[in-house]
Amino acid sequence: MSELNFVTVGDGTRIAYQLDGDAGQPVLVLSNSIATTLHMWDGQIGELSRRFRVLRYDFRGHGGSSVPIGAYSLDRLGRDVIELIDALGLGQVHFLGLSLGGFVGQWLGIHAPERVDRLILSNTSSHLSPASYFDERIAVVRQAPDMSETAEVFLNNWFPAGMVAANEPVIEKFRAMLLEIDRLGLAGLFAAVRDADLRRTVALIDRPTLVIAGQHDTVTAASHSELIAAAVPGVKLVVLPAVHLSNVEYPTEFMQAVLDFLH
């Protein structure tokens, strides 16, 4: 697997990224969930990198990227992607975003459609409310001594109760990832989700788009995916019997939907 590299974007934030696959292949950008790092996609890299040049990155505030203090915005997260692909000399790319990554994918489809070839929005939403919920989570995470309590909240939101109770190896992997997340970076990203509202503008997306929903998703309900699919012309909607991290819970079915669409 490739090594971590870095690009510094316009406001001085350092964004960590990895590239896998041959340079001559079409580029596929992967954008992950809040409270995860680019290693959320480890299970997909082997297969995807045989067909694509796969670019993964850590959100500002997470993983190997810098942790600016204060609230982040979806606009800034979208511009981080544009500046990253510009720095790497990449033109048009396929983009696959899950959860917060899906918010970023929608932003790109709306504001930078010329940079997107095909767009995949997985387990995401155009708006999550109420704002008071995110304000509460920001306060809790900023005041907590560590990420242990927050990690369990995320695990129970992301995976079926049986998987968490059995403490399967993948649960341990994601727990370890969560415990390493910077609390101030998480607070900054919570603010970006709190303030994002693409419900009207999502209809402007004109790129070929696949929406993947989790039937049992309690974070970004399947109904949210259905609303995106209803708003964006010509969308293909796939519903998997998953909770939130469809790529982890149903990797075979997830990969099949992605490859069928990008073929």
Protein backbone atom coordinates (compact mmCIF):
# COMPACT_ATOMS: atom_id res chain seq x y z
CA MET A 1 0.00 0.00 0.00
CA SER A 2 1.25 3.50 -0.82
CA GLU A 3 2.67 5.94 1.71
CA LEU A 4 1.06 9.05 3.18
CA ASN A 5 1.82 12.28 1.35
CA PHE A 6 0.80 15.87 2.00
CA VAL A 7 -0.48 18.94 0.16
CA THR A 8 -0.85 22.37 1.79
CA VAL A 9 -4.07 24.14 0.74
CA GLY A 10 -4.80 27.85 0.52
CA ASP A 11 -5.45 28.54 4.19
CA GLY A 12 -2.25 26.78 5.28
CA THR A 13 -3.89 23.49 6.29
CA ARG A 14 -1.93 20.37 5.43
CA ILE A 15 -4.06 17.63 3.84
CA ALA A 16 -2.79 14.04 4.04
CA TYR A 17 -3.45 11.73 1.08
CA GLN A 18 -2.53 8.38 -0.45
CA LEU A 19 -2.46 7.32 -4.10
CA ASP A 20 -2.79 3.69 -5.18
CA GLY A 21 -2.92 2.22 -8.68
CA ASP A 22 -1.16 2.98 -11.93
CA ALA A 23 -0.84 6.54 -13.17
CA GLY A 24 -2.46 5.77 -16.53
CA GLN A 25 -5.78 4.66 -15.05
CA PRO A 26 -8.88 6.83 -14.50
CA VAL A 27 -8.75 8.62 -11.14
CA LEU A 28 -11.25 7.71 -8.41
CA VAL A 29 -11.32 9.94 -5.32
CA LEU A 30 -12.61 8.34 -2.09
CA SER A 31 -13.96 10.56 0.69
CA ASN A 32 -14.80 9.01 4.04
CA SER A 33 -17.13 9.44 6.97
CA ILE A 34 -16.67 11.89 9.80
CA ALA A 35 -14.61 10.38 12.66
CA THR A 36 -12.69 8.04 10.33
CA THR A 37 -9.47 8.29 8.37
CA LEU A 38 -8.65 7.26 4.82
CA HIS A 39 -8.16 3.74 6.23
CA MET A 40 -11.94 3.41 6.21
CA TRP A 41 -11.43 2.29 2.60
CA ASP A 42 -8.67 -0.28 3.22
CA GLY A 43 -10.95 -3.17 2.31
CA GLN A 44 -11.70 -1.68 -1.13
CA ILE A 45 -8.22 -0.54 -2.20
CA GLY A 46 -6.93 -3.88 -3.49
CA GLU A 47 -9.74 -4.29 -5.99
CA LEU A 48 -10.26 -0.64 -6.88
CA SER A 49 -6.57 0.03 -7.52
CA ARG A 50 -6.50 -2.65 -10.21
CA ARG A 51 -8.92 -0.55 -12.27
CA PHE A 52 -8.38 3.02 -11.06
CA ARG A 53 -5.77 5.36 -9.71
CA VAL A 54 -7.32 5.71 -6.28
CA LEU A 55 -6.86 8.94 -4.32
CA ARG A 56 -7.81 8.87 -0.64
CA TYR A 57 -7.36 11.73 1.80
CA ASP A 58 -7.95 12.66 5.44
CA PHE A 59 -10.39 15.48 6.16
CA ARG A 60 -8.85 18.52 7.80
CA GLY A 61 -8.98 17.79 11.53
CA HIS A 62 -8.59 14.03 11.09
CA GLY A 63 -5.84 11.47 10.58
CA GLY A 64 -2.61 12.84 9.15
CA SER A 65 -4.12 16.20 8.18
CA SER A 66 -3.71 19.41 10.18
CA VAL A 67 -6.25 20.36 12.85
CA PRO A 68 -7.27 24.00 12.41
CA ILE A 69 -9.08 25.36 15.45
CA GLY A 70 -12.72 26.43 15.08
CA ALA A 71 -15.71 25.51 12.96
CA TYR A 72 -15.14 24.10 9.47
CA SER A 73 -17.53 24.62 6.54
CA LEU A 74 -18.69 22.34 3.76
CA ASP A 75 -17.48 24.96 1.29
CA ARG A 76 -13.95 24.70 2.74
CA LEU A 77 -14.07 20.88 2.70
CA GLY A 78 -15.06 20.98 -0.97
CA ARG A 79 -12.28 23.41 -1.80
CA ASP A 80 -9.80 21.14 -0.02
CA VAL A 81 -10.62 18.47 -2.62
CA ILE A 82 -10.31 20.89 -5.55
CA GLU A 83 -6.96 22.18 -4.28
CA LEU A 84 -5.73 18.63 -3.66
CA ILE A 85 -6.52 17.41 -7.16
CA ASP A 86 -5.13 20.64 -8.63
CA ALA A 87 -1.87 20.14 -6.72
CA LEU A 88 -1.61 16.60 -8.11
CA GLY A 89 -2.26 17.79 -11.65
CA LEU A 90 -5.51 15.83 -11.97
CA GLY A 91 -8.30 17.06 -14.19
CA GLN A 92 -11.66 15.36 -14.10
CA VAL A 93 -12.13 12.55 -11.57
CA HIS A 94 -14.71 10.04 -10.44
CA PHE A 95 -15.77 10.79 -6.86
CA LEU A 96 -17.13 8.40 -4.24
CA GLY A 97 -18.12 9.89 -0.90
CA LEU A 98 -19.74 8.16 2.06
CA SER A 99 -21.55 10.05 4.83
CA LEU A 100 -19.70 13.39 5.23
CA GLY A 101 -17.82 12.40 2.08
CA GLY A 102 -21.21 12.30 0.37
CA PHE A 103 -21.93 15.86 1.48
CA VAL A 104 -18.62 16.86 -0.13
CA GLY A 105 -19.56 14.92 -3.27
CA GLN A 106 -22.83 16.83 -3.54
CA TRP A 107 -20.96 20.12 -3.06
CA LEU A 108 -18.58 19.21 -5.90
CA GLY A 109 -21.45 18.17 -8.16
CA ILE A 110 -23.12 21.53 -7.53
CA HIS A 111 -20.12 23.89 -7.47
CA ALA A 112 -17.44 22.16 -9.55
CA PRO A 113 -19.26 19.82 -11.97
CA GLU A 114 -16.51 20.18 -14.57
CA ARG A 115 -14.15 18.34 -12.20
CA VAL A 116 -16.47 15.34 -11.71
CA ASP A 117 -16.98 12.58 -14.26
CA ARG A 118 -19.17 10.13 -12.32
CA LEU A 119 -20.44 10.77 -8.80
CA ILE A 120 -21.28 8.19 -6.12
CA LEU A 121 -23.07 9.34 -2.96
CA SER A 122 -23.25 6.65 -0.28
CA ASN A 123 -25.09 6.72 3.06
CA THR A 124 -25.43 10.46 3.00
CA SER A 125 -27.91 13.31 3.17
CA SER A 126 -28.40 16.83 1.87
CA HIS A 127 -29.23 18.11 5.36
CA LEU A 128 -29.12 16.75 8.90
CA SER A 129 -30.97 18.36 11.77
CA PRO A 130 -31.55 19.66 14.34
CA ALA A 131 -28.63 22.04 14.75
CA SER A 132 -29.01 21.71 18.52
CA TYR A 133 -27.97 18.05 18.28
CA PHE A 134 -24.66 18.99 16.68
CA ASP A 135 -24.13 21.86 19.13
CA GLU A 136 -24.58 19.34 21.94
CA ARG A 137 -22.14 16.86 20.35
CA ILE A 138 -19.59 19.66 19.84
CA ALA A 139 -19.85 20.65 23.51
CA VAL A 140 -19.56 17.04 24.69
CA VAL A 141 -16.58 16.16 22.54
CA ARG A 142 -14.70 19.37 23.38
CA GLN A 143 -15.16 18.80 27.12
CA ALA A 144 -14.51 15.05 27.19
CA PRO A 145 -11.14 13.83 28.49
CA ASP A 146 -10.76 11.49 25.50
CA MET A 147 -12.67 9.87 22.65
CA SER A 148 -13.73 6.68 24.47
CA GLU A 149 -17.38 7.60 25.08
CA THR A 150 -17.78 9.23 21.66
CA ALA A 151 -16.21 6.18 20.00
CA GLU A 152 -18.91 3.88 21.39
CA VAL A 153 -21.65 6.25 20.21
CA PHE A 154 -20.25 6.16 16.69
CA LEU A 155 -19.79 2.38 16.64
CA ASN A 156 -23.40 1.86 17.70
CA ASN A 157 -24.58 4.28 15.01
CA TRP A 158 -22.44 2.72 12.28
CA PHE A 159 -22.86 -1.02 12.73
CA PRO A 160 -25.58 -3.57 13.63
CA ALA A 161 -25.88 -4.18 17.37
CA GLY A 162 -24.84 -7.82 16.91
CA MET A 163 -21.55 -6.87 15.26
CA VAL A 164 -20.73 -4.42 18.04
CA ALA A 165 -21.73 -6.86 20.80
CA ALA A 166 -19.58 -9.60 19.25
CA ASN A 167 -16.67 -7.12 19.05
CA GLU A 168 -15.71 -8.47 15.63
CA PRO A 169 -12.21 -7.58 14.37
CA VAL A 170 -13.58 -4.84 12.14
CA ILE A 171 -15.23 -3.23 15.19
CA GLU A 172 -11.88 -3.24 16.98
CA LYS A 173 -10.25 -1.64 13.93
CA PHE A 174 -12.78 1.17 13.83
CA ARG A 175 -12.70 1.63 17.61
CA ALA A 176 -8.92 2.09 17.41
CA MET A 177 -9.40 4.58 14.55
CA LEU A 178 -11.99 6.53 16.56
CA LEU A 179 -9.85 6.69 19.68
CA GLU A 180 -7.11 8.40 17.64
CA ILE A 181 -9.39 11.10 16.19
CA ASP A 182 -8.58 14.62 17.36
CA ARG A 183 -11.51 15.97 19.39
CA LEU A 184 -11.09 19.54 18.14
CA GLY A 185 -11.01 18.29 14.56
CA LEU A 186 -14.19 16.31 15.17
CA ALA A 187 -15.87 19.40 16.64
CA GLY A 188 -14.85 21.36 13.54
CA LEU A 189 -16.36 18.75 11.22
CA PHE A 190 -19.54 18.48 13.32
CA ALA A 191 -19.99 22.20 12.66
CA ALA A 192 -19.65 21.65 8.90
CA VAL A 193 -22.41 19.01 9.00
CA ARG A 194 -24.59 21.18 11.24
CA ASP A 195 -24.44 24.12 8.83
CA ALA A 196 -24.74 22.21 5.55
CA ASP A 197 -28.04 22.43 3.69
CA LEU A 198 -28.04 21.29 0.05
CA ARG A 199 -31.74 20.39 -0.16
CA ARG A 200 -32.49 23.03 -2.80
CA THR A 201 -29.20 23.13 -4.70
CA VAL A 202 -28.74 19.35 -5.00
CA ALA A 203 -31.12 19.49 -7.98
CA LEU A 204 -28.38 21.36 -9.89
CA ILE A 205 -26.20 18.23 -10.09
CA ASP A 206 -26.05 17.10 -13.73
CA ARG A 207 -23.32 14.45 -13.52
CA PRO A 208 -24.12 10.73 -13.82
CA THR A 209 -24.88 9.86 -10.20
CA LEU A 210 -25.26 6.68 -8.16
CA VAL A 211 -26.85 6.88 -4.70
CA ILE A 212 -26.23 4.00 -2.28
CA ALA A 213 -28.52 3.82 0.76
CA GLY A 214 -28.46 1.71 3.91
CA GLN A 215 -31.85 0.17 4.61
CA HIS A 216 -31.18 0.27 8.36
CA ASP A 217 -29.16 3.50 8.46
CA THR A 218 -29.99 5.54 11.57
CA VAL A 219 -27.51 8.33 10.77
CA THR A 220 -28.46 9.22 7.19
CA ALA A 221 -31.77 7.42 6.76
CA ALA A 222 -32.60 5.65 3.50
CA SER A 223 -35.33 8.26 3.03
CA HIS A 224 -32.58 10.92 2.75
CA SER A 225 -31.00 8.99 -0.12
CA GLU A 226 -34.42 8.69 -1.75
CA LEU A 227 -34.82 12.48 -1.57
CA ILE A 228 -31.45 12.99 -3.28
CA ALA A 229 -32.38 10.42 -5.93
CA ALA A 230 -35.69 12.21 -6.53
CA ALA A 231 -33.99 15.60 -6.88
CA VAL A 232 -31.06 14.73 -9.16
CA PRO A 233 -31.98 13.86 -12.76
CA GLY A 234 -31.24 10.32 -13.94
CA VAL A 235 -29.93 8.98 -10.62
CA LYS A 236 -29.48 5.28 -10.01
CA LEU A 237 -30.46 4.27 -6.45
CA VAL A 238 -29.18 1.09 -4.79
CA VAL A 239 -30.41 0.12 -1.31
CA LEU A 240 -28.25 -2.31 0.69
CA PRO A 241 -29.45 -4.03 3.91
CA ALA A 242 -26.79 -2.11 5.83
CA VAL A 243 -26.61 0.36 8.68
CA HIS A 244 -24.19 3.26 7.97
CA LEU A 245 -20.82 2.01 6.72
CA SER A 246 -22.11 0.01 3.75
CA ASN A 247 -18.62 -0.52 2.33
CA VAL A 248 -17.57 -2.31 5.53
CA GLU A 249 -20.76 -4.22 6.35
CA TYR A 250 -21.58 -5.36 2.79
CA PRO A 251 -18.25 -5.03 0.94
CA THR A 252 -19.09 -7.41 -1.93
CA GLU A 253 -22.46 -5.84 -2.74
CA PHE A 254 -21.06 -2.34 -2.27
CA MET A 255 -18.17 -3.00 -4.62
CA GLN A 256 -20.46 -4.57 -7.21
CA ALA A 257 -22.69 -1.47 -7.25
CA VAL A 258 -19.68 0.84 -7.55
CA LEU A 259 -17.94 -1.10 -10.33
CA ASP A 260 -21.15 -1.60 -12.30
CA PHE A 261 -21.71 2.15 -12.24
CA LEU A 262 -18.14 3.16 -13.08
CA HIS A 263 -17.73 0.54 -15.82
